[in-house]
Amino acid sequence: MLTVREFLQQLSLCRGLGRVSKMRLWQVAQKHRCFSRVEFLAEQAQLGPNAKEALLNNWASEELAQTVELNQQYPQITIVDEEYPPQLRETFCPPLVLYYQGNLDLLRCPQLGVVGARDMSAYGETVLRGLIPQVAKHQIAVVSGLAKGVDGMSHRLALANNGATIGVIGCGLDRVYPLENRPLYEAVAKQGLILSEYGRGEPPLAYHFPERNRIIAGLSSVVVVIEAKKRSGSLITANLALEENRTVCAVPGRIDTFRSLGCNELIAAGAKPILRAQDLLDEFLS
C-alpha cells in the first residue's frame, strides 16, 4: 500500500502520461483516498486509451520502480507538503513533485519572474543592470529559467548583489543546459535555489520548456519581459502568467528592432510598461 507521497512520486515519474492526465489521476486518488488501484483510478479519471495503456503498462514495471528508488534519494517536495509554494499549488496543472537543490526557504520570498531573449542585446543587458540590483536589495527573489541571455544575466546580477534567485529548469537536476552555464548553475545551487519537476537523467527536451515556463509564471506574483521576439518562449510565459492572474510587465524598446516586438505588443495589449526599477518595486510594495 502506497502512502500519499509515494503515490505522487511514482505518478510524477510514470512515462507515457501528460501532466493533465497525471493531475486527473491525482484528483481522483485524493477524492477516493485510493492510492493503489490504478485500473479504478484510470476509469474514474476518464483517461484516453493511450494514457490508460501507458499507466497500466508502466505502473508496476521494474523500470519505474528503479526510477522512483533513484529519485527518492534526492531532496523533493510534493504538492501535499507544507513547503510546497501555495501560489503554485493554486495554478492549473501544478507539478505534483518538485526536485530541488539549494535553499528552499527562498520560496517564502516575494518572487519576480524575469524572462526575455536568449540572444540578448546590449540594450537588454543595460536594462537588467538597472533593474535587478534594486530588486535584489529589496529581497525579492528573481525567478528565471537558467538559459542563455536574459535568464542567465538575471541570475548573475541577483547573486552579484547578494539577492535571492530561483532557477527553474527543463531537465533533471543532474543535467546542465546549456552546458556553458555550468558555473552559473553551480552558483545558483549553492547560493540560491534550483527547481525541476523532472527526475534524474531527464534530458532537456523541447516540450519541457513550455512546461518549465508555467512554473516560472506560477511561482511569480509579477512577471517582467525584457526583450522578446513576436513569437517566443518569453511570450508563452507572459500569457501563462496572465491566465493565472499575475501582473505582467514589459520593458519597451525601439519599434524597428525585432527583439522589442513582443514587449511593445504586450504593452499595447495592456501590460505595464517598466521605465525604471521603481515601477517594478511598486508592484510589490502596493
C-alpha atoms as a PDB file:
ATOM      1  CA  MET A   1       0.000   0.000   0.000  1.00  0.00           C
ATOM      2  CA  LEU A   2       1.487   3.320  -1.096  1.00  0.00           C
ATOM      3  CA  THR A   3       1.479   6.422   1.067  1.00  0.00           C
ATOM      4  CA  VAL A   4       0.231   9.668  -0.476  1.00  0.00           C
ATOM      5  CA  ARG A   5       3.777  10.928  -1.042  1.00  0.00           C
ATOM      6  CA  GLU A   6       4.893   7.614  -2.538  1.00  0.00           C
ATOM      7  CA  PHE A   7       1.904   7.669  -4.892  1.00  0.00           C
ATOM      8  CA  LEU A   8       2.764  11.207  -6.008  1.00  0.00           C
ATOM      9  CA  GLN A   9       6.419  10.313  -6.556  1.00  0.00           C
ATOM     10  CA  GLN A  10       5.504   7.274  -8.642  1.00  0.00           C
ATOM     11  CA  LEU A  11       2.821   9.098 -10.624  1.00  0.00           C
ATOM     12  CA  SER A  12       5.099  12.036 -11.408  1.00  0.00           C
ATOM     13  CA  LEU A  13       7.753   9.712 -12.857  1.00  0.00           C
ATOM     14  CA  CYS A  14       5.390   7.409 -14.792  1.00  0.00           C
ATOM     15  CA  ARG A  15       6.171   7.628 -18.509  1.00  0.00           C
ATOM     16  CA  GLY A  16       3.582   7.977 -21.243  1.00  0.00           C
ATOM     17  CA  LEU A  17       1.263  10.291 -19.296  1.00  0.00           C
ATOM     18  CA  GLY A  18       0.837  14.004 -19.871  1.00  0.00           C
ATOM     19  CA  ARG A  19       0.588  16.432 -16.962  1.00  0.00           C
ATOM     20  CA  VAL A  20      -3.199  16.821 -17.423  1.00  0.00           C
ATOM     21  CA  SER A  21      -3.690  13.047 -17.133  1.00  0.00           C
ATOM     22  CA  LYS A  22      -1.462  12.945 -14.067  1.00  0.00           C
ATOM     23  CA  MET A  23      -3.423  15.741 -12.436  1.00  0.00           C
ATOM     24  CA  ARG A  24      -6.736  13.968 -13.137  1.00  0.00           C
ATOM     25  CA  LEU A  25      -5.389  10.783 -11.571  1.00  0.00           C
ATOM     26  CA  TRP A  26      -4.201  12.703  -8.527  1.00  0.00           C
ATOM     27  CA  GLN A  27      -7.546  14.463  -8.093  1.00  0.00           C
ATOM     28  CA  VAL A  28      -9.432  11.155  -8.315  1.00  0.00           C
ATOM     29  CA  ALA A  29      -6.989   9.448  -5.938  1.00  0.00           C
ATOM     30  CA  GLN A  30      -7.469  12.295  -3.460  1.00  0.00           C
ATOM     31  CA  LYS A  31     -11.241  12.170  -3.750  1.00  0.00           C
ATOM     32  CA  HIS A  32     -11.463   8.423  -3.149  1.00  0.00           C
ATOM     33  CA  ARG A  33      -8.453   8.174  -0.832  1.00  0.00           C
ATOM     34  CA  CYS A  34      -7.224   5.423  -3.133  1.00  0.00           C
ATOM     35  CA  PHE A  35      -3.518   5.271  -3.977  1.00  0.00           C
ATOM     36  CA  SER A  36      -3.040   1.728  -5.268  1.00  0.00           C
ATOM     37  CA  ARG A  37      -5.893   0.579  -7.547  1.00  0.00           C
ATOM     38  CA  VAL A  38      -4.686   2.114 -10.783  1.00  0.00           C
ATOM     39  CA  GLU A  39      -7.316   0.486 -13.018  1.00  0.00           C
ATOM     40  CA  PHE A  40     -10.054   2.040 -10.883  1.00  0.00           C
ATOM     41  CA  LEU A  41      -8.270   5.402 -10.929  1.00  0.00           C
ATOM     42  CA  ALA A  42      -7.851   5.276 -14.713  1.00  0.00           C
ATOM     43  CA  GLU A  43     -11.572   4.665 -15.160  1.00  0.00           C
ATOM     44  CA  GLN A  44     -12.598   7.368 -12.721  1.00  0.00           C
ATOM     45  CA  ALA A  45     -10.195   9.876 -14.293  1.00  0.00           C
ATOM     46  CA  GLN A  46     -11.623   9.083 -17.747  1.00  0.00           C
ATOM     47  CA  LEU A  47      -8.182   8.703 -19.279  1.00  0.00           C
ATOM     48  CA  GLY A  48      -7.902   8.316 -23.016  1.00  0.00           C
ATOM     49  CA  PRO A  49      -6.936   4.884 -24.355  1.00  0.00           C
ATOM     50  CA  ASN A  50      -3.259   5.777 -24.884  1.00  0.00           C
ATOM     51  CA  ALA A  51      -2.826   7.301 -21.443  1.00  0.00           C
ATOM     52  CA  LYS A  52      -4.651   4.390 -19.803  1.00  0.00           C
ATOM     53  CA  GLU A  53      -2.472   1.859 -21.608  1.00  0.00           C
ATOM     54  CA  ALA A  54       0.702   3.731 -20.602  1.00  0.00           C
ATOM     55  CA  LEU A  55      -0.399   3.819 -16.967  1.00  0.00           C
ATOM     56  CA  LEU A  56      -1.291   0.131 -16.765  1.00  0.00           C
ATOM     57  CA  ASN A  57       1.844  -0.966 -18.618  1.00  0.00           C
ATOM     58  CA  ASN A  58       4.280   1.173 -16.660  1.00  0.00           C
ATOM     59  CA  TRP A  59       2.875   1.389 -13.127  1.00  0.00           C
ATOM     60  CA  ALA A  60       4.186  -1.974 -11.939  1.00  0.00           C
ATOM     61  CA  SER A  61       7.272  -2.043 -14.202  1.00  0.00           C
ATOM     62  CA  GLU A  62      10.777  -2.638 -12.909  1.00  0.00           C
ATOM     63  CA  GLU A  63      11.972   0.431 -14.801  1.00  0.00           C
ATOM     64  CA  LEU A  64       9.570   2.725 -12.934  1.00  0.00           C
ATOM     65  CA  ALA A  65      10.420   1.101  -9.593  1.00  0.00           C
ATOM     66  CA  GLN A  66      14.122   1.737 -10.204  1.00  0.00           C
ATOM     67  CA  THR A  67      13.491   5.325 -11.284  1.00  0.00           C
ATOM     68  CA  VAL A  68      11.425   6.021  -8.160  1.00  0.00           C
ATOM     69  CA  GLU A  69      14.067   4.425  -5.936  1.00  0.00           C
ATOM     70  CA  LEU A  70      16.811   6.532  -7.547  1.00  0.00           C
ATOM     71  CA  ASN A  71      14.916   9.799  -7.165  1.00  0.00           C
ATOM     72  CA  GLN A  72      13.862   9.125  -3.575  1.00  0.00           C
ATOM     73  CA  GLN A  73      17.498   9.695  -2.638  1.00  0.00           C
ATOM     74  CA  TYR A  74      17.294  13.379  -3.570  1.00  0.00           C
ATOM     75  CA  PRO A  75      15.540  16.355  -1.938  1.00  0.00           C
ATOM     76  CA  GLN A  76      11.992  16.882  -3.157  1.00  0.00           C
ATOM     77  CA  ILE A  77       8.675  18.347  -2.113  1.00  0.00           C
ATOM     78  CA  THR A  78       5.267  17.105  -3.178  1.00  0.00           C
ATOM     79  CA  ILE A  79       2.055  19.028  -3.716  1.00  0.00           C
ATOM     80  CA  VAL A  80       0.770  17.916  -0.288  1.00  0.00           C
ATOM     81  CA  ASP A  81       3.842  19.124   1.633  1.00  0.00           C
ATOM     82  CA  GLU A  82       3.770  22.273   3.738  1.00  0.00           C
ATOM     83  CA  GLU A  83       6.867  23.604   1.943  1.00  0.00           C
ATOM     84  CA  TYR A  84       5.160  23.494  -1.455  1.00  0.00           C
ATOM     85  CA  PRO A  85       4.559  27.098  -2.596  1.00  0.00           C
ATOM     86  CA  PRO A  86       0.832  27.850  -2.210  1.00  0.00           C
ATOM     87  CA  GLN A  87       0.766  30.271  -5.149  1.00  0.00           C
ATOM     88  CA  LEU A  88       1.990  27.456  -7.421  1.00  0.00           C
ATOM     89  CA  ARG A  89      -0.410  24.886  -5.954  1.00  0.00           C
ATOM     90  CA  GLU A  90      -3.335  27.108  -6.982  1.00  0.00           C
ATOM     91  CA  THR A  91      -2.381  27.145 -10.679  1.00  0.00           C
ATOM     92  CA  PHE A  92      -3.687  24.945 -13.490  1.00  0.00           C
ATOM     93  CA  CYS A  93      -1.860  21.596 -13.509  1.00  0.00           C
ATOM     94  CA  PRO A  94       0.891  22.401 -10.997  1.00  0.00           C
ATOM     95  CA  PRO A  95       3.775  19.908 -10.765  1.00  0.00           C
ATOM     96  CA  LEU A  96       2.981  17.044  -8.397  1.00  0.00           C
ATOM     97  CA  VAL A  97       6.609  16.836  -7.278  1.00  0.00           C
ATOM     98  CA  LEU A  98       9.411  19.393  -7.314  1.00  0.00           C
ATOM     99  CA  TYR A  99      13.017  18.242  -7.025  1.00  0.00           C
ATOM    100  CA  TYR A 100      15.326  20.872  -5.652  1.00  0.00           C
ATOM    101  CA  GLN A 101      18.871  21.845  -4.874  1.00  0.00           C
ATOM    102  CA  GLY A 102      19.696  24.795  -2.643  1.00  0.00           C
ATOM    103  CA  ASN A 103      17.815  26.942  -0.150  1.00  0.00           C
ATOM    104  CA  LEU A 104      14.133  26.026  -0.052  1.00  0.00           C
ATOM    105  CA  ASP A 105      13.420  28.989   2.251  1.00  0.00           C
ATOM    106  CA  LEU A 106      13.666  31.267  -0.811  1.00  0.00           C
ATOM    107  CA  LEU A 107      10.177  30.087  -1.789  1.00  0.00           C
ATOM    108  CA  ARG A 108       8.884  32.273   1.039  1.00  0.00           C
ATOM    109  CA  CYS A 109      10.271  35.449  -0.584  1.00  0.00           C
ATOM    110  CA  PRO A 110       8.220  37.685  -2.872  1.00  0.00           C
ATOM    111  CA  GLN A 111       9.022  36.448  -6.375  1.00  0.00           C
ATOM    112  CA  LEU A 112       9.616  38.268  -9.649  1.00  0.00           C
ATOM    113  CA  GLY A 113       9.692  36.243 -12.856  1.00  0.00           C
ATOM    114  CA  VAL A 114      12.223  37.623 -15.341  1.00  0.00           C
ATOM    115  CA  VAL A 115      12.119  36.331 -18.926  1.00  0.00           C
ATOM    116  CA  GLY A 116      13.464  37.521 -22.236  1.00  0.00           C
ATOM    117  CA  ALA A 117      15.558  36.883 -25.309  1.00  0.00           C
ATOM    118  CA  ARG A 118      18.318  34.296 -25.329  1.00  0.00           C
ATOM    119  CA  ASP A 119      20.171  36.422 -27.892  1.00  0.00           C
ATOM    120  CA  MET A 120      20.031  39.447 -25.592  1.00  0.00           C
ATOM    121  CA  SER A 121      21.279  42.765 -26.983  1.00  0.00           C
ATOM    122  CA  ALA A 122      23.426  45.372 -25.255  1.00  0.00           C
ATOM    123  CA  TYR A 123      20.189  47.265 -24.558  1.00  0.00           C
ATOM    124  CA  GLY A 124      18.725  44.279 -22.744  1.00  0.00           C
ATOM    125  CA  GLU A 125      21.837  43.948 -20.597  1.00  0.00           C
ATOM    126  CA  THR A 126      21.736  47.663 -19.749  1.00  0.00           C
ATOM    127  CA  VAL A 127      18.086  47.344 -18.726  1.00  0.00           C
ATOM    128  CA  LEU A 128      18.841  44.375 -16.456  1.00  0.00           C
ATOM    129  CA  ARG A 129      21.759  46.191 -14.828  1.00  0.00           C
ATOM    130  CA  GLY A 130      19.377  48.987 -13.977  1.00  0.00           C
ATOM    131  CA  LEU A 131      16.605  46.752 -12.614  1.00  0.00           C
ATOM    132  CA  ILE A 132      17.958  43.640 -10.914  1.00  0.00           C
ATOM    133  CA  PRO A 133      20.270  45.246  -8.290  1.00  0.00           C
ATOM    134  CA  GLN A 134      17.317  47.250  -6.936  1.00  0.00           C
ATOM    135  CA  VAL A 135      15.099  44.170  -6.903  1.00  0.00           C
ATOM    136  CA  ALA A 136      17.819  42.216  -5.063  1.00  0.00           C
ATOM    137  CA  LYS A 137      18.195  44.989  -2.491  1.00  0.00           C
ATOM    138  CA  HIS A 138      14.519  44.568  -1.527  1.00  0.00           C
ATOM    139  CA  GLN A 139      14.868  40.794  -1.004  1.00  0.00           C
ATOM    140  CA  ILE A 140      12.616  39.956  -3.931  1.00  0.00           C
ATOM    141  CA  ALA A 141      13.628  36.619  -5.418  1.00  0.00           C
ATOM    142  CA  VAL A 142      14.462  36.705  -9.120  1.00  0.00           C
ATOM    143  CA  VAL A 143      12.878  33.648 -10.799  1.00  0.00           C
ATOM    144  CA  SER A 144      14.104  32.672 -14.242  1.00  0.00           C
ATOM    145  CA  GLY A 145      14.987  29.691 -16.423  1.00  0.00           C
ATOM    146  CA  LEU A 146      18.808  29.445 -16.228  1.00  0.00           C
ATOM    147  CA  ALA A 147      19.004  29.787 -20.014  1.00  0.00           C
ATOM    148  CA  LYS A 148      21.295  31.982 -22.079  1.00  0.00           C
ATOM    149  CA  GLY A 149      20.724  35.699 -22.435  1.00  0.00           C
ATOM    150  CA  VAL A 150      18.219  37.468 -20.175  1.00  0.00           C
ATOM    151  CA  ASP A 151      17.739  34.431 -17.889  1.00  0.00           C
ATOM    152  CA  GLY A 152      21.417  33.945 -17.157  1.00  0.00           C
ATOM    153  CA  MET A 153      22.160  37.641 -16.702  1.00  0.00           C
ATOM    154  CA  SER A 154      19.227  37.983 -14.292  1.00  0.00           C
ATOM    155  CA  HIS A 155      20.569  35.194 -12.085  1.00  0.00           C
ATOM    156  CA  ARG A 156      24.130  36.559 -12.226  1.00  0.00           C
ATOM    157  CA  LEU A 157      23.094  40.072 -11.257  1.00  0.00           C
ATOM    158  CA  ALA A 158      20.937  38.820  -8.390  1.00  0.00           C
ATOM    159  CA  LEU A 159      23.834  36.776  -6.994  1.00  0.00           C
ATOM    160  CA  ALA A 160      26.333  39.619  -7.528  1.00  0.00           C
ATOM    161  CA  ASN A 161      24.097  41.910  -5.471  1.00  0.00           C
ATOM    162  CA  ASN A 162      23.570  39.401  -2.633  1.00  0.00           C
ATOM    163  CA  GLY A 163      19.997  38.835  -3.755  1.00  0.00           C
ATOM    164  CA  ALA A 164      17.783  35.770  -3.842  1.00  0.00           C
ATOM    165  CA  THR A 165      17.388  33.866  -7.090  1.00  0.00           C
ATOM    166  CA  ILE A 166      15.498  30.734  -8.172  1.00  0.00           C
ATOM    167  CA  GLY A 167      16.285  28.818 -11.346  1.00  0.00           C
ATOM    168  CA  VAL A 168      13.599  26.591 -12.876  1.00  0.00           C
ATOM    169  CA  ILE A 169      14.986  24.086 -15.362  1.00  0.00           C
ATOM    170  CA  GLY A 170      13.527  21.823 -18.033  1.00  0.00           C
ATOM    171  CA  CYS A 171      15.595  18.710 -17.319  1.00  0.00           C
ATOM    172  CA  GLY A 172      16.779  16.607 -14.394  1.00  0.00           C
ATOM    173  CA  LEU A 173      18.905  18.253 -11.722  1.00  0.00           C
ATOM    174  CA  ASP A 174      21.888  16.163 -12.822  1.00  0.00           C
ATOM    175  CA  ARG A 175      21.789  17.766 -16.279  1.00  0.00           C
ATOM    176  CA  VAL A 176      23.013  21.255 -17.167  1.00  0.00           C
ATOM    177  CA  TYR A 177      21.532  23.043 -20.167  1.00  0.00           C
ATOM    178  CA  PRO A 178      23.054  24.923 -21.842  1.00  0.00           C
ATOM    179  CA  LEU A 179      26.436  23.392 -20.939  1.00  0.00           C
ATOM    180  CA  GLU A 180      28.215  26.761 -20.887  1.00  0.00           C
ATOM    181  CA  ASN A 181      26.019  27.750 -17.942  1.00  0.00           C
ATOM    182  CA  ARG A 182      27.541  25.116 -15.631  1.00  0.00           C
ATOM    183  CA  PRO A 183      29.374  27.700 -13.433  1.00  0.00           C
ATOM    184  CA  LEU A 184      26.129  29.691 -13.111  1.00  0.00           C
ATOM    185  CA  TYR A 185      24.144  26.521 -12.359  1.00  0.00           C
ATOM    186  CA  GLU A 186      26.575  25.634  -9.574  1.00  0.00           C
ATOM    187  CA  ALA A 187      26.466  29.163  -8.163  1.00  0.00           C
ATOM    188  CA  VAL A 188      22.643  29.242  -8.086  1.00  0.00           C
ATOM    189  CA  ALA A 189      22.551  25.780  -6.495  1.00  0.00           C
ATOM    190  CA  LYS A 190      24.963  26.963  -3.792  1.00  0.00           C
ATOM    191  CA  GLN A 191      23.627  30.461  -3.120  1.00  0.00           C
ATOM    192  CA  GLY A 192      20.037  30.253  -4.370  1.00  0.00           C
ATOM    193  CA  LEU A 193      17.619  27.506  -5.360  1.00  0.00           C
ATOM    194  CA  ILE A 194      17.130  25.294  -8.417  1.00  0.00           C
ATOM    195  CA  LEU A 195      13.793  23.573  -9.083  1.00  0.00           C
ATOM    196  CA  SER A 196      12.724  20.899 -11.567  1.00  0.00           C
ATOM    197  CA  GLU A 197       9.684  18.675 -11.987  1.00  0.00           C
ATOM    198  CA  TYR A 198      11.817  16.161 -13.899  1.00  0.00           C
ATOM    199  CA  GLY A 199      13.621  13.207 -12.353  1.00  0.00           C
ATOM    200  CA  ARG A 200      17.325  12.463 -12.577  1.00  0.00           C
ATOM    201  CA  GLY A 201      18.559  11.720 -16.056  1.00  0.00           C
ATOM    202  CA  GLU A 202      15.724  13.510 -17.877  1.00  0.00           C
ATOM    203  CA  PRO A 203      17.171  15.363 -20.884  1.00  0.00           C
ATOM    204  CA  PRO A 204      16.238  18.940 -21.886  1.00  0.00           C
ATOM    205  CA  LEU A 205      13.563  18.004 -24.428  1.00  0.00           C
ATOM    206  CA  ALA A 206      11.888  20.795 -26.412  1.00  0.00           C
ATOM    207  CA  TYR A 207       8.419  20.321 -24.870  1.00  0.00           C
ATOM    208  CA  HIS A 208       9.871  20.569 -21.362  1.00  0.00           C
ATOM    209  CA  PHE A 209      10.491  24.299 -21.728  1.00  0.00           C
ATOM    210  CA  PRO A 210       6.883  25.483 -22.123  1.00  0.00           C
ATOM    211  CA  GLU A 211       6.110  23.243 -19.128  1.00  0.00           C
ATOM    212  CA  ARG A 212       9.009  24.849 -17.256  1.00  0.00           C
ATOM    213  CA  ASN A 213       7.631  28.284 -18.157  1.00  0.00           C
ATOM    214  CA  ARG A 214       4.327  27.581 -16.407  1.00  0.00           C
ATOM    215  CA  ILE A 215       6.259  27.005 -13.160  1.00  0.00           C
ATOM    216  CA  ILE A 216       8.074  30.332 -13.521  1.00  0.00           C
ATOM    217  CA  ALA A 217       4.720  32.054 -14.092  1.00  0.00           C
ATOM    218  CA  GLY A 218       3.060  30.149 -11.257  1.00  0.00           C
ATOM    219  CA  LEU A 219       5.734  30.978  -8.684  1.00  0.00           C
ATOM    220  CA  SER A 220       5.837  34.674  -9.532  1.00  0.00           C
ATOM    221  CA  SER A 221       3.388  37.332  -8.450  1.00  0.00           C
ATOM    222  CA  VAL A 222       4.852  39.644 -11.120  1.00  0.00           C
ATOM    223  CA  VAL A 223       6.446  38.666 -14.453  1.00  0.00           C
ATOM    224  CA  VAL A 224       8.565  41.132 -16.438  1.00  0.00           C
ATOM    225  CA  VAL A 225       9.540  40.571 -20.074  1.00  0.00           C
ATOM    226  CA  ILE A 226      12.807  42.116 -21.233  1.00  0.00           C
ATOM    227  CA  GLU A 227      13.328  41.811 -24.995  1.00  0.00           C
ATOM    228  CA  ALA A 228      11.133  39.274 -26.767  1.00  0.00           C
ATOM    229  CA  LYS A 229      10.507  38.453 -30.394  1.00  0.00           C
ATOM    230  CA  LYS A 230       6.953  38.354 -31.671  1.00  0.00           C
ATOM    231  CA  ARG A 231       6.817  34.573 -31.098  1.00  0.00           C
ATOM    232  CA  SER A 232       8.981  33.383 -28.263  1.00  0.00           C
ATOM    233  CA  GLY A 233       9.071  31.377 -25.054  1.00  0.00           C
ATOM    234  CA  SER A 234       9.032  34.644 -23.137  1.00  0.00           C
ATOM    235  CA  LEU A 235       5.591  35.491 -24.514  1.00  0.00           C
ATOM    236  CA  ILE A 236       4.394  31.977 -23.653  1.00  0.00           C
ATOM    237  CA  THR A 237       5.424  32.676 -20.060  1.00  0.00           C
ATOM    238  CA  ALA A 238       3.703  36.067 -20.124  1.00  0.00           C
ATOM    239  CA  ASN A 239       0.467  34.548 -21.418  1.00  0.00           C
ATOM    240  CA  LEU A 240       0.597  31.793 -18.801  1.00  0.00           C
ATOM    241  CA  ALA A 241       1.089  34.462 -16.140  1.00  0.00           C
ATOM    242  CA  LEU A 242      -1.957  36.359 -17.415  1.00  0.00           C
ATOM    243  CA  GLU A 243      -4.036  33.171 -17.273  1.00  0.00           C
ATOM    244  CA  GLU A 244      -3.038  32.810 -13.616  1.00  0.00           C
ATOM    245  CA  ASN A 245      -3.944  36.441 -12.835  1.00  0.00           C
ATOM    246  CA  ARG A 246      -0.348  37.503 -12.328  1.00  0.00           C
ATOM    247  CA  THR A 247       0.801  41.033 -13.087  1.00  0.00           C
ATOM    248  CA  VAL A 248       2.636  41.163 -16.417  1.00  0.00           C
ATOM    249  CA  CYS A 249       5.086  43.960 -17.154  1.00  0.00           C
ATOM    250  CA  ALA A 250       7.303  44.640 -20.153  1.00  0.00           C
ATOM    251  CA  VAL A 251      10.228  46.881 -20.976  1.00  0.00           C
ATOM    252  CA  PRO A 252       9.539  48.952 -24.106  1.00  0.00           C
ATOM    253  CA  GLY A 253      12.060  49.003 -26.924  1.00  0.00           C
ATOM    254  CA  ARG A 254      12.690  50.536 -30.319  1.00  0.00           C
ATOM    255  CA  ILE A 255       9.878  49.913 -32.794  1.00  0.00           C
ATOM    256  CA  ASP A 256      12.342  48.926 -35.548  1.00  0.00           C
ATOM    257  CA  THR A 257      14.026  46.136 -33.536  1.00  0.00           C
ATOM    258  CA  PHE A 258      12.722  42.562 -33.782  1.00  0.00           C
ATOM    259  CA  ARG A 259      13.735  41.843 -30.162  1.00  0.00           C
ATOM    260  CA  SER A 260      11.333  44.537 -28.944  1.00  0.00           C
ATOM    261  CA  LEU A 261       8.285  43.489 -30.965  1.00  0.00           C
ATOM    262  CA  GLY A 262       6.946  41.121 -28.314  1.00  0.00           C
ATOM    263  CA  CYS A 263       7.404  43.606 -25.465  1.00  0.00           C
ATOM    264  CA  ASN A 264       5.872  46.522 -27.346  1.00  0.00           C
ATOM    265  CA  GLU A 265       2.851  44.418 -28.335  1.00  0.00           C
ATOM    266  CA  LEU A 266       2.416  43.263 -24.722  1.00  0.00           C
ATOM    267  CA  ILE A 267       2.338  46.906 -23.619  1.00  0.00           C
ATOM    268  CA  ALA A 268      -0.140  47.773 -26.369  1.00  0.00           C
ATOM    269  CA  ALA A 269      -2.331  44.932 -25.064  1.00  0.00           C
ATOM    270  CA  GLY A 270      -2.273  46.291 -21.502  1.00  0.00           C
ATOM    271  CA  ALA A 271       0.953  45.103 -19.843  1.00  0.00           C
ATOM    272  CA  LYS A 272       2.527  47.639 -17.506  1.00  0.00           C
ATOM    273  CA  PRO A 273       5.499  49.418 -19.110  1.00  0.00           C
ATOM    274  CA  ILE A 274       8.645  49.341 -16.970  1.00  0.00           C
ATOM    275  CA  LEU A 275      10.699  52.522 -17.322  1.00  0.00           C
ATOM    276  CA  ARG A 276      12.725  52.276 -14.098  1.00  0.00           C
ATOM    277  CA  ALA A 277      13.302  49.918 -11.191  1.00  0.00           C
ATOM    278  CA  GLN A 278      10.748  51.698  -9.013  1.00  0.00           C
ATOM    279  CA  ASP A 279       7.999  50.732 -11.469  1.00  0.00           C
ATOM    280  CA  LEU A 280       8.662  47.087 -10.647  1.00  0.00           C
ATOM    281  CA  LEU A 281       9.083  47.668  -6.924  1.00  0.00           C
ATOM    282  CA  ASP A 282       5.738  49.475  -6.813  1.00  0.00           C
ATOM    283  CA  GLU A 283       4.003  46.223  -7.837  1.00  0.00           C
ATOM    284  CA  PHE A 284       5.346  44.564  -4.685  1.00  0.00           C
ATOM    285  CA  LEU A 285       5.082  47.497  -2.296  1.00  0.00           C
ATOM    286  CA  SER A 286       1.423  48.044  -3.200  1.00  0.00           C
END
